[in-house]
């Protein structure tokens, strides 16, 4: 997890707000503090491949009543039914008022119930992911051509990204698929996407660290239902291609 207090200190010095993207970090901790408790606003994702899922959607945490009020507006077309916050005098008890340009970002009660039922199991899910990561770590010991993710006590292991020699990454990726192991490359650098190149003029070479990481990474299977035998098979196939 990021050192949010350091970012908050910088933000406070210039009147900025810290918005933390924690879509991959549900259940993670920095020391004894859960991710989502430090930044001004923190966004989480409930996409189907995340730690818990509502099918789609997510949530934002904040300890600011004002930010929470505005978020509720944005999620509901910018419309309020709260008479105390209306700018105009209501025509009657049916009156609603659009105050900002918002969108339909509401989760249904059914989706929310699905998420809440899994939230109670989050610590269990994270423990299993940590166990899988620890087993991967041990199985890749001694393979000098691989770089495993840095170990961190507060990690919740949404992904397990391995780094391979760049010149072999595609070959290994495709061979793993032929062996029934579906890895994925996470993610193409933002600045190389068409929109950002057109909008901001960014080009290859502007962010060399991101590009170097992208050229080497494959995220290998990591999910709660992955058995230890599955982990050993995945690691064995990768070792056979890397040693």
Foldseek 3Di string as FASTA:
>chain_A
DDPLVVVVVVCVVPVHFDEAECQAQQQFADVPHHPQPRGQKYWYWQDPLHLHHLPGATDMHHPDPVVVVVVVCQQCQQKDLDCVPDPDHAPDNVDIDRDDGHDNRDDDPSSVVRRVVCVVCSVVFQVLLVVLLVLLVVLCPPLVQKDWDDDDPRGSPSWTKIFGPLVCQVVLQVVCVVVVWHWAQPDPDPCPDPVNCVPPVRDPPPDVVSVNRSSTIITTDGGSPQDPVNSNVSSVSVSVVRD
